[in-house]
C-alpha cells in the first residue's frame, strides 16, 4: 500500500475517535457506534498493510 493509503486509514481512525467522543458528549449512541465501526475498519486496514509490507520485503 502506498503512503497515501496509510494516511487515509490513519485519518479514518482519527475521525472514528472524534465521532465516538462526540457521541458520548451528546448521548448519541448511534454516533458512538459509528465511530467505533470506523476505528475497527481502520484497524483492519492497518493490519492488512502490515501483512502486505511483511511479504514485500
N, C-alpha and C. Protein backbone atom coordinates (compact mmCIF):
# COMPACT_ATOMS: atom_id res chain seq x y z
N UNK A 1 0.84 -1.17 0.00
CA UNK A 1 0.00 0.00 0.00
C UNK A 1 0.88 1.23 0.00
N UNK A 2 0.38 2.23 -0.62
CA UNK A 2 1.14 3.46 -0.70
C UNK A 2 0.99 4.30 0.55
N UNK A 3 1.81 5.30 0.61
CA UNK A 3 1.78 6.21 1.75
C UNK A 3 0.43 6.92 1.86
N UNK A 4 -0.18 7.23 0.72
CA UNK A 4 -1.49 7.88 0.73
C UNK A 4 -2.55 7.01 1.38
N UNK A 5 -2.50 5.70 1.08
CA UNK A 5 -3.46 4.77 1.68
C UNK A 5 -3.27 4.70 3.19
N UNK A 6 -2.03 4.68 3.62
CA UNK A 6 -1.75 4.62 5.05
C UNK A 6 -2.26 5.88 5.75
N UNK A 7 -2.07 7.02 5.10
CA UNK A 7 -2.55 8.28 5.67
C UNK A 7 -4.07 8.27 5.77
N UNK A 8 -4.75 7.79 4.72
CA UNK A 8 -6.21 7.74 4.72
C UNK A 8 -6.73 6.83 5.83
N UNK A 9 -6.07 5.69 6.04
CA UNK A 9 -6.50 4.78 7.09
C UNK A 9 -6.31 5.38 8.48
N UNK A 10 -5.22 6.10 8.66
CA UNK A 10 -4.99 6.78 9.94
C UNK A 10 -6.03 7.87 10.15
N UNK A 11 -6.33 8.60 9.10
CA UNK A 11 -7.35 9.65 9.20
C UNK A 11 -8.72 9.06 9.52
N UNK A 12 -9.02 7.90 8.94
CA UNK A 12 -10.30 7.24 9.22
C UNK A 12 -10.40 6.87 10.70
N UNK A 13 -9.30 6.38 11.26
CA UNK A 13 -9.29 6.06 12.68
C UNK A 13 -9.48 7.28 13.54
N UNK A 14 -8.83 8.37 13.18
CA UNK A 14 -8.97 9.62 13.94
C UNK A 14 -10.39 10.16 13.85
N UNK A 15 -10.98 10.07 12.67
CA UNK A 15 -12.36 10.51 12.50
C UNK A 15 -13.29 9.66 13.35
N UNK A 16 -13.02 8.37 13.40
CA UNK A 16 -13.83 7.47 14.22
C UNK A 16 -13.75 7.83 15.70
N UNK A 17 -12.55 8.16 16.17
CA UNK A 17 -12.39 8.57 17.56
C UNK A 17 -13.17 9.84 17.85
N UNK A 18 -13.13 10.77 16.91
CA UNK A 18 -13.85 12.04 17.08
C UNK A 18 -15.36 11.79 17.11
N UNK A 19 -15.84 10.92 16.23
CA UNK A 19 -17.28 10.61 16.21
C UNK A 19 -17.70 9.96 17.52
N UNK A 20 -16.88 9.03 17.99
CA UNK A 20 -17.22 8.35 19.24
C UNK A 20 -17.26 9.35 20.39
N UNK A 21 -16.28 10.25 20.46
CA UNK A 21 -16.24 11.24 21.52
C UNK A 21 -17.44 12.19 21.43
N UNK A 22 -17.78 12.60 20.22
CA UNK A 22 -18.93 13.48 20.05
C UNK A 22 -20.22 12.77 20.45
N UNK A 23 -20.31 11.50 20.12
CA UNK A 23 -21.49 10.72 20.51
C UNK A 23 -21.61 10.60 22.02
N UNK A 24 -20.48 10.39 22.69
CA UNK A 24 -20.50 10.30 24.15
C UNK A 24 -20.92 11.63 24.76
N UNK A 25 -20.39 12.72 24.20
CA UNK A 25 -20.68 14.05 24.74
C UNK A 25 -22.15 14.43 24.59
N UNK A 26 -22.76 13.96 23.50
CA UNK A 26 -24.15 14.33 23.23
C UNK A 26 -25.14 13.23 23.61
N UNK A 27 -24.63 12.08 24.04
CA UNK A 27 -25.52 10.98 24.38
C UNK A 27 -26.07 10.25 23.16
N UNK A 28 -25.45 10.44 22.01
CA UNK A 28 -25.91 9.83 20.76
C UNK A 28 -25.22 8.47 20.59
N UNK A 29 -25.92 7.39 20.97
CA UNK A 29 -25.35 6.05 20.92
C UNK A 29 -25.05 5.61 19.48
N UNK A 30 -25.86 6.05 18.55
CA UNK A 30 -25.66 5.69 17.14
C UNK A 30 -24.34 6.29 16.62
N UNK A 31 -24.06 7.53 16.97
CA UNK A 31 -22.81 8.17 16.56
C UNK A 31 -21.61 7.49 17.22
N UNK A 32 -21.76 7.10 18.48
CA UNK A 32 -20.70 6.37 19.16
C UNK A 32 -20.39 5.07 18.43
N UNK A 33 -21.44 4.34 18.07
CA UNK A 33 -21.27 3.07 17.37
C UNK A 33 -20.61 3.27 16.01
N UNK A 34 -21.02 4.32 15.32
CA UNK A 34 -20.43 4.62 14.01
C UNK A 34 -18.94 4.93 14.17
N UNK A 35 -18.58 5.65 15.21
CA UNK A 35 -17.18 5.96 15.48
C UNK A 35 -16.37 4.71 15.76
N UNK A 36 -16.94 3.81 16.57
CA UNK A 36 -16.24 2.54 16.86
C UNK A 36 -16.09 1.71 15.59
N UNK A 37 -17.11 1.73 14.73
CA UNK A 37 -17.05 0.99 13.47
C UNK A 37 -15.94 1.54 12.57
N UNK A 38 -15.85 2.85 12.48
CA UNK A 38 -14.79 3.47 11.67
C UNK A 38 -13.41 3.11 12.20
N UNK A 39 -13.26 3.11 13.52
CA UNK A 39 -11.98 2.76 14.12
C UNK A 39 -11.62 1.30 13.83
N UNK A 40 -12.61 0.41 13.93
CA UNK A 40 -12.36 -1.00 13.66
C UNK A 40 -11.96 -1.22 12.21
N UNK A 41 -12.62 -0.53 11.29
CA UNK A 41 -12.28 -0.64 9.87
C UNK A 41 -10.85 -0.16 9.63
N UNK A 42 -10.48 0.90 10.27
CA UNK A 42 -9.12 1.42 10.15
C UNK A 42 -8.10 0.42 10.68
N UNK A 43 -8.41 -0.20 11.82
CA UNK A 43 -7.51 -1.18 12.41
C UNK A 43 -7.32 -2.39 11.50
N UNK A 44 -8.39 -2.84 10.87
CA UNK A 44 -8.31 -3.98 9.95
C UNK A 44 -7.44 -3.62 8.75
N UNK A 45 -7.64 -2.43 8.22
CA UNK A 45 -6.84 -2.00 7.07
C UNK A 45 -5.36 -1.88 7.45
N UNK A 46 -5.09 -1.37 8.64
CA UNK A 46 -3.70 -1.24 9.09
C UNK A 46 -3.06 -2.62 9.24
N UNK A 47 -3.80 -3.59 9.76
CA UNK A 47 -3.28 -4.94 9.89
C UNK A 47 -2.97 -5.53 8.52
N UNK A 48 -3.85 -5.28 7.57
CA UNK A 48 -3.60 -5.74 6.20
C UNK A 48 -2.36 -5.11 5.61
N UNK A 49 -2.15 -3.84 5.90
CA UNK A 49 -0.95 -3.15 5.41
C UNK A 49 0.31 -3.79 5.97
N UNK A 50 0.28 -4.11 7.27
CA UNK A 50 1.45 -4.71 7.91
C UNK A 50 1.76 -6.07 7.31
N UNK A 51 0.73 -6.86 7.04
CA UNK A 51 0.93 -8.18 6.43
C UNK A 51 1.51 -8.02 5.03
N UNK A 52 0.93 -7.12 4.28
CA UNK A 52 1.41 -6.90 2.91
C UNK A 52 2.85 -6.39 2.91
N UNK A 53 3.16 -5.47 3.83
CA UNK A 53 4.53 -4.94 3.93
C UNK A 53 5.53 -6.05 4.29
N UNK A 54 5.09 -6.96 5.17
CA UNK A 54 5.98 -8.05 5.58
C UNK A 54 6.31 -8.97 4.40
N UNK A 55 5.36 -9.21 3.52
CA UNK A 55 5.59 -10.07 2.36
C UNK A 55 6.35 -9.36 1.24
N UNK A 56 6.34 -8.05 1.25
CA UNK A 56 7.03 -7.30 0.19
C UNK A 56 8.47 -6.98 0.53
N UNK A 57 8.97 -7.47 1.61
CA UNK A 57 10.37 -7.19 2.00
C UNK A 57 11.31 -8.13 1.34
